[in-house]
Amino acid sequence: MPKVSVIIPVYNVEKYLRQCLDSLINQTLADIEIICINDGSTDGSLSILEEYASKDERIKVISQENQGQGVARNRGIELSSGEYIGFVDPDDWVELNMYEEMYSKAKSYDSDIVEAIYNQYYEYSKESKIRPNAILLQEDTIFNWKENPDYIFKSTNLSVWNKLYESAFIKNNNIKFADTKLAQDHIFTIKSRIFANKIIFINKPLYNYRICKGSACKKETLETLKVINIVNLVKDFLQEQNLLPELNKYFIDYAALTLGRQFVYVPEKHKKKFENDIKKTFSKEIFNKYKLYKIGCKNNFEKIFSLKNSELFGEKLKILTLCGKQFVISK
């Protein structure tokens, strides 16, 4: 049994894939397996995967039709045999000691989840910036959500790539990703944080998250409409666990923010339906906060330039629109 299974969903990332794989095959923790799910790539990604697999027996390549990251990651979990599971996006890369440090912490504290902070790498400026945690967590101190409810929705982010999970914990609790192409990791992260009894935090950037022009300015897509389903999945889960009354104020902020961030990417002819569905599906308080968090332009001038005030979990922000691109700026 390898110490860590690293799962990578791969779709059309030939430009960045080698850097990602190099950061994994050269880990200081050598006892790992690298499970690459080729999710219907049409570029040279599969050839790169097969090249690396021919040279390193730790790399396993599985191909499927394009179904999105959620389905690919779920398949990776099913195929994994490691004691712990980590996830890496194929256009990112990790520090060479990432899994050694995380595995060591996990074993020392018998933790279900290890979480670290990360670097944001801006492809267009070639600059890196450490992304600090949104809430205060003490390193080398075991905790769970009951001691810090803010952690569920606010710590680092709702992505999975800067974390390490005990495999048995994930599989025994049947924690899976949603089968959508957007926000599919929300339900996985929230479930795992609530079910975990022991979580340990590393206040050190071990993961490098790439932000390029394509990801900084997403295209409009009908997939955004499914984000309503994701938020509903989270709500249903909290209700099933009888936690919604206790966590309602946190859920309201999460729901409003998640929906508000997606508005700008909803195709224009579907924006009205998107808002009507939110109004019908969620409480008036969520809908009103959604309008506060909503990122979008109302007229042609604002599509070119605007600067608006907003608020995120009590933090005052400015939303800058410049030449059609939007940026969130802390005040």
Protein backbone atom coordinates (compact mmCIF):
# COMPACT_ATOMS: atom_id res chain seq x y z
CA MET A 1 0.00 0.00 0.00
CA PRO A 2 1.51 3.36 -1.02
CA LYS A 3 1.52 6.08 1.60
CA VAL A 4 -0.28 8.60 -0.64
CA SER A 5 -2.44 8.34 -3.76
CA VAL A 6 -2.37 11.54 -5.82
CA ILE A 7 -5.35 11.95 -8.15
CA ILE A 8 -5.12 14.22 -11.20
CA PRO A 9 -8.09 14.87 -13.52
CA VAL A 10 -6.56 15.75 -16.90
CA TYR A 11 -8.29 17.61 -19.71
CA ASN A 12 -6.45 19.52 -22.46
CA VAL A 13 -3.56 20.87 -20.39
CA GLU A 14 -0.55 19.90 -22.50
CA LYS A 15 1.04 23.33 -21.90
CA TYR A 16 1.33 22.83 -18.13
CA LEU A 17 1.14 19.07 -17.59
CA ARG A 18 4.88 18.36 -17.57
CA GLN A 19 5.51 20.85 -14.78
CA CYS A 20 2.73 19.27 -12.75
CA LEU A 21 4.01 15.72 -13.24
CA ASP A 22 7.64 16.70 -12.60
CA SER A 23 6.64 18.17 -9.24
CA LEU A 24 5.04 14.83 -8.31
CA ILE A 25 7.58 12.29 -9.54
CA ASN A 26 10.30 14.25 -7.71
CA GLN A 27 8.53 14.36 -4.35
CA THR A 28 10.75 13.77 -1.33
CA LEU A 29 8.11 11.22 -0.30
CA ALA A 30 8.75 8.57 -2.95
CA ASP A 31 6.15 6.03 -1.78
CA ILE A 32 3.21 7.45 -3.73
CA GLU A 33 0.98 6.44 -6.61
CA ILE A 34 -0.08 9.01 -9.20
CA ILE A 35 -3.49 8.30 -10.72
CA CYS A 36 -4.11 10.34 -13.87
CA ILE A 37 -7.67 10.31 -15.20
CA ASN A 38 -7.53 11.44 -18.82
CA ASP A 39 -10.97 13.04 -19.12
CA GLY A 40 -11.36 12.90 -22.89
CA SER A 41 -8.45 15.19 -23.78
CA THR A 42 -8.23 16.16 -27.46
CA ASP A 43 -4.75 17.75 -27.33
CA GLY A 44 -1.42 16.11 -26.53
CA SER A 45 -2.16 15.51 -22.85
CA LEU A 46 -2.65 11.75 -23.18
CA SER A 47 0.66 11.35 -25.04
CA ILE A 48 2.45 13.20 -22.24
CA LEU A 49 0.79 11.00 -19.63
CA GLU A 50 1.78 7.82 -21.48
CA GLU A 51 5.35 9.09 -21.88
CA TYR A 52 5.69 9.69 -18.13
CA ALA A 53 3.96 6.41 -17.26
CA SER A 54 6.43 4.48 -19.43
CA LYS A 55 9.29 5.88 -17.33
CA ASP A 56 7.72 5.78 -13.85
CA GLU A 57 5.71 2.77 -12.70
CA ARG A 58 4.03 4.85 -9.98
CA ILE A 59 1.98 6.61 -12.67
CA LYS A 60 -1.32 5.04 -13.71
CA VAL A 61 -3.23 6.42 -16.70
CA ILE A 62 -6.96 5.81 -17.10
CA SER A 63 -8.95 7.32 -19.97
CA GLN A 64 -12.66 8.12 -20.09
CA GLU A 65 -15.02 10.27 -22.10
CA ASN A 66 -15.12 13.90 -20.99
CA GLN A 67 -17.37 14.04 -17.92
CA GLY A 68 -15.76 16.76 -15.82
CA GLN A 69 -13.45 16.92 -12.81
CA GLY A 70 -16.01 15.58 -10.35
CA VAL A 71 -16.56 12.29 -12.16
CA ALA A 72 -12.83 11.95 -12.86
CA ARG A 73 -11.88 12.49 -9.22
CA ASN A 74 -14.52 10.03 -8.02
CA ARG A 75 -13.10 7.40 -10.33
CA GLY A 76 -9.63 8.15 -9.02
CA ILE A 77 -10.82 7.60 -5.44
CA GLU A 78 -12.29 4.22 -6.41
CA LEU A 79 -9.00 3.15 -7.99
CA SER A 80 -6.76 4.50 -5.22
CA SER A 81 -4.90 2.16 -2.87
CA GLY A 82 -2.96 4.70 -0.80
CA GLU A 83 -3.20 5.24 2.94
CA TYR A 84 -3.98 8.91 2.21
CA ILE A 85 -5.41 10.71 -0.80
CA GLY A 86 -4.37 14.02 -2.34
CA PHE A 87 -5.69 15.90 -5.35
CA VAL A 88 -3.74 18.03 -7.83
CA ASP A 89 -5.08 20.02 -10.77
CA PRO A 90 -3.03 19.40 -13.93
CA ASP A 91 -2.25 23.06 -14.61
CA ASP A 92 -0.82 23.55 -11.09
CA TRP A 93 2.24 22.14 -9.34
CA VAL A 94 3.26 21.30 -5.79
CA GLU A 95 6.33 21.96 -3.68
CA LEU A 96 8.69 18.97 -3.73
CA ASN A 97 8.24 18.34 0.00
CA MET A 98 4.47 18.78 0.05
CA TYR A 99 3.40 15.19 0.55
CA GLU A 100 6.23 14.33 2.90
CA GLU A 101 5.22 17.21 5.19
CA MET A 102 1.51 16.46 4.95
CA TYR A 103 1.92 12.71 5.47
CA SER A 104 4.18 13.30 8.46
CA LYS A 105 1.59 15.61 10.06
CA ALA A 106 -1.23 13.19 9.31
CA LYS A 107 0.59 10.29 10.96
CA SER A 108 1.83 12.32 13.93
CA TYR A 109 -1.65 13.56 14.80
CA ASP A 110 -3.72 10.66 13.41
CA SER A 111 -5.71 13.26 11.48
CA ASP A 112 -8.51 12.83 8.96
CA ILE A 113 -7.54 15.99 7.05
CA VAL A 114 -4.32 17.97 6.70
CA GLU A 115 -4.70 21.43 5.20
CA ALA A 116 -2.07 23.97 4.12
CA ILE A 117 -2.06 27.46 2.68
CA TYR A 118 -0.97 27.95 -0.93
CA ASN A 119 0.64 30.25 -3.47
CA GLN A 120 -1.32 31.99 -6.20
CA TYR A 121 0.83 32.13 -9.33
CA TYR A 122 -0.24 34.74 -11.89
CA GLU A 123 0.68 33.38 -15.31
CA TYR A 124 0.40 36.73 -17.07
CA SER A 125 2.76 38.59 -14.67
CA LYS A 126 4.91 35.59 -13.56
CA GLU A 127 4.41 36.63 -9.93
CA SER A 128 3.52 34.50 -6.92
CA LYS A 129 1.61 35.61 -3.86
CA ILE A 130 0.93 33.61 -0.71
CA ARG A 131 -2.79 33.26 -0.09
CA PRO A 132 -3.23 33.58 3.69
CA ASN A 133 -5.99 31.75 5.47
CA ALA A 134 -9.25 33.65 5.89
CA ILE A 135 -9.58 32.54 9.52
CA LEU A 136 -7.06 32.10 12.31
CA LEU A 137 -5.95 28.48 12.72
CA GLN A 138 -3.17 27.37 15.04
CA GLU A 139 -0.55 25.09 13.52
CA ASP A 140 0.03 21.73 15.21
CA THR A 141 -3.27 21.97 17.07
CA ILE A 142 -5.91 19.30 16.42
CA PHE A 143 -9.40 20.73 15.91
CA ASN A 144 -12.75 20.06 14.26
CA TRP A 145 -15.57 22.25 13.03
CA LYS A 146 -17.42 22.28 16.35
CA GLU A 147 -14.59 24.27 17.88
CA ASN A 148 -14.50 26.65 14.92
CA PRO A 149 -17.71 26.71 12.78
CA ASP A 150 -16.18 29.40 10.52
CA TYR A 151 -13.83 26.70 9.26
CA ILE A 152 -16.52 24.85 7.31
CA PHE A 153 -17.05 27.51 4.65
CA LYS A 154 -14.19 29.97 5.04
CA SER A 155 -10.86 28.24 5.63
CA THR A 156 -8.45 28.66 2.68
CA ASN A 157 -11.02 27.68 0.03
CA LEU A 158 -13.52 24.97 -0.88
CA SER A 159 -11.08 23.29 -3.26
CA VAL A 160 -9.37 20.02 -2.41
CA TRP A 161 -5.90 20.43 -3.86
CA ASN A 162 -4.18 21.98 -0.82
CA LYS A 163 -5.32 19.16 1.47
CA LEU A 164 -4.55 15.53 2.29
CA TYR A 165 -7.28 13.09 3.34
CA GLU A 166 -7.12 9.74 5.09
CA SER A 167 -8.38 7.25 2.50
CA ALA A 168 -10.44 5.16 4.92
CA PHE A 169 -12.10 8.33 6.25
CA ILE A 170 -13.19 9.35 2.74
CA LYS A 171 -14.35 5.90 1.65
CA ASN A 172 -16.09 4.92 4.91
CA ASN A 173 -18.10 8.15 4.89
CA ASN A 174 -18.87 7.82 1.16
CA ILE A 175 -17.64 11.36 0.48
CA LYS A 176 -17.81 12.08 -3.25
CA PHE A 177 -17.66 14.96 -5.70
CA ALA A 178 -20.72 16.26 -7.50
CA ASP A 179 -20.95 15.32 -11.20
CA THR A 180 -21.04 18.95 -12.39
CA LYS A 181 -18.19 20.83 -14.07
CA LEU A 182 -18.37 23.86 -11.76
CA ALA A 183 -18.16 23.92 -7.95
CA GLN A 184 -18.13 20.10 -7.88
CA ASP A 185 -15.70 20.15 -4.94
CA HIS A 186 -17.95 22.18 -2.61
CA ILE A 187 -19.98 19.23 -1.34
CA PHE A 188 -16.84 17.07 -0.96
CA THR A 189 -15.02 19.71 1.09
CA ILE A 190 -17.99 20.62 3.28
CA LYS A 191 -18.89 16.99 4.01
CA SER A 192 -15.30 16.09 4.85
CA ARG A 193 -14.90 19.07 7.17
CA ILE A 194 -18.06 18.20 9.06
CA PHE A 195 -17.36 14.47 9.33
CA ALA A 196 -13.70 14.91 10.34
CA ASN A 197 -12.86 14.47 14.02
CA LYS A 198 -9.22 15.48 13.69
CA ILE A 199 -7.95 18.22 11.38
CA ILE A 200 -4.44 19.64 11.39
CA PHE A 201 -3.30 22.87 9.73
CA ILE A 202 0.05 23.77 8.16
CA ASN A 203 0.69 27.50 7.90
CA LYS A 204 3.05 27.08 4.98
CA PRO A 205 2.41 27.36 1.21
CA LEU A 206 2.88 23.88 -0.24
CA TYR A 207 0.68 24.12 -3.34
CA ASN A 208 1.00 26.44 -6.35
CA TYR A 209 -2.31 27.46 -7.88
CA ARG A 210 -1.96 28.88 -11.39
CA ILE A 211 -4.15 31.81 -12.42
CA CYS A 212 -4.02 32.49 -16.15
CA LYS A 213 -6.03 34.74 -18.40
CA GLY A 214 -8.36 31.91 -19.28
CA SER A 215 -9.19 31.16 -15.64
CA ALA A 216 -9.26 34.83 -14.58
CA CYS A 217 -11.95 35.58 -17.14
CA LYS A 218 -14.19 32.54 -17.53
CA LYS A 219 -16.53 32.19 -20.45
CA GLU A 220 -20.28 32.24 -20.18
CA THR A 221 -21.64 28.72 -19.91
CA LEU A 222 -24.88 26.93 -19.15
CA GLU A 223 -22.97 24.95 -16.51
CA THR A 224 -23.39 27.97 -14.22
CA LEU A 225 -27.10 27.15 -13.91
CA LYS A 226 -26.16 23.91 -12.14
CA VAL A 227 -24.48 25.82 -9.32
CA ILE A 228 -27.96 26.23 -7.83
CA ASN A 229 -28.07 22.42 -7.56
CA ILE A 230 -24.69 22.39 -5.80
CA VAL A 231 -25.85 24.90 -3.18
CA ASN A 232 -29.01 22.81 -2.73
CA LEU A 233 -26.89 19.68 -2.22
CA VAL A 234 -25.06 21.45 0.59
CA LYS A 235 -28.34 22.61 2.13
CA ASP A 236 -29.83 19.09 1.94
CA PHE A 237 -26.73 17.62 3.56
CA LEU A 238 -26.86 20.11 6.45
CA GLN A 239 -30.54 19.29 6.93
CA GLU A 240 -29.84 15.55 6.91
CA GLN A 241 -27.25 16.07 9.64
CA ASN A 242 -29.66 18.32 11.61
CA LEU A 243 -27.06 21.09 11.40
CA LEU A 244 -28.85 23.71 9.33
CA PRO A 245 -30.33 25.65 12.30
CA GLU A 246 -26.89 25.80 13.95
CA LEU A 247 -25.01 26.69 10.76
CA ASN A 248 -27.66 28.72 8.98
CA LYS A 249 -25.88 32.08 9.21
CA TYR A 250 -22.74 30.53 7.70
CA PHE A 251 -24.75 28.75 5.00
CA ILE A 252 -26.52 31.99 4.04
CA ASP A 253 -23.21 33.74 3.36
CA TYR A 254 -21.86 30.71 1.49
CA ALA A 255 -24.96 30.38 -0.70
CA ALA A 256 -25.19 34.09 -1.51
CA LEU A 257 -21.50 34.36 -2.34
CA THR A 258 -21.38 31.19 -4.46
CA LEU A 259 -24.43 32.20 -6.48
CA GLY A 260 -23.36 35.82 -6.76
CA ARG A 261 -19.95 34.94 -8.14
CA GLN A 262 -21.52 32.86 -10.92
CA PHE A 263 -23.95 35.49 -12.20
CA VAL A 264 -21.45 37.14 -14.54
CA TYR A 265 -20.79 33.78 -16.26
CA VAL A 266 -24.46 32.95 -16.87
CA PRO A 267 -25.32 33.43 -20.57
CA GLU A 268 -27.23 36.69 -21.02
CA LYS A 269 -30.48 35.08 -22.17
CA HIS A 270 -30.50 32.84 -19.08
CA LYS A 271 -29.71 35.48 -16.43
CA LYS A 272 -33.37 36.17 -15.68
CA LYS A 273 -34.12 32.46 -15.25
CA PHE A 274 -31.06 32.10 -13.02
CA GLU A 275 -32.28 34.88 -10.72
CA ASN A 276 -35.86 33.61 -10.70
CA ASP A 277 -34.68 30.12 -9.79
CA ILE A 278 -32.60 31.50 -6.92
CA LYS A 279 -35.57 33.51 -5.67
CA LYS A 280 -37.86 30.46 -5.81
CA THR A 281 -35.34 28.03 -4.34
CA PHE A 282 -33.80 29.95 -1.46
CA SER A 283 -34.85 32.25 1.36
CA LYS A 284 -35.40 35.97 0.97
CA GLU A 285 -32.30 36.62 3.08
CA ILE A 286 -30.13 34.56 0.73
CA PHE A 287 -31.61 36.25 -2.33
CA ASN A 288 -31.00 39.74 -0.91
CA LYS A 289 -27.39 38.89 -0.02
CA TYR A 290 -26.93 37.28 -3.42
CA LYS A 291 -27.80 40.63 -5.01
CA LEU A 292 -25.15 42.28 -2.83
CA TYR A 293 -22.46 39.77 -3.83
CA LYS A 294 -23.58 39.53 -7.46
CA ILE A 295 -20.78 40.21 -9.91
CA GLY A 296 -22.17 41.50 -13.18
CA CYS A 297 -22.66 44.59 -15.34
CA LYS A 298 -25.93 46.39 -15.99
CA ASN A 299 -25.08 48.53 -18.99
CA ASN A 300 -22.57 48.74 -21.83
CA PHE A 301 -20.36 51.31 -20.09
CA GLU A 302 -20.13 49.20 -16.93
CA LYS A 303 -19.09 46.23 -19.06
CA ILE A 304 -15.95 48.23 -19.88
CA PHE A 305 -15.26 49.94 -16.56
CA SER A 306 -16.83 50.04 -13.11
CA LEU A 307 -15.76 50.04 -9.46
CA LYS A 308 -18.32 48.80 -6.95
CA ASN A 309 -18.35 48.13 -3.22
CA SER A 310 -19.25 44.69 -1.93
CA GLU A 311 -18.79 42.59 1.17
CA LEU A 312 -17.59 39.02 1.76
CA PHE A 313 -17.97 37.37 5.18
CA GLY A 314 -17.77 40.80 6.79
CA GLU A 315 -14.71 41.87 4.76
CA LYS A 316 -15.29 44.98 2.66
CA LEU A 317 -14.29 44.55 -0.99
CA LYS A 318 -14.20 46.48 -4.21
CA ILE A 319 -15.19 44.83 -7.51
CA LEU A 320 -13.23 46.33 -10.40
CA THR A 321 -14.38 45.77 -13.99
CA LEU A 322 -11.74 46.74 -16.54
CA CYS A 323 -12.09 46.02 -20.23
CA GLY A 324 -14.60 43.27 -19.53
CA LYS A 325 -12.49 41.52 -16.89
CA GLN A 326 -13.46 41.53 -13.22
CA PHE A 327 -11.16 41.64 -10.21
CA VAL A 328 -11.95 41.39 -6.49
CA ILE A 329 -9.88 43.86 -4.46
CA SER A 330 -9.65 43.85 -0.66
CA LYS A 331 -10.11 47.30 0.81
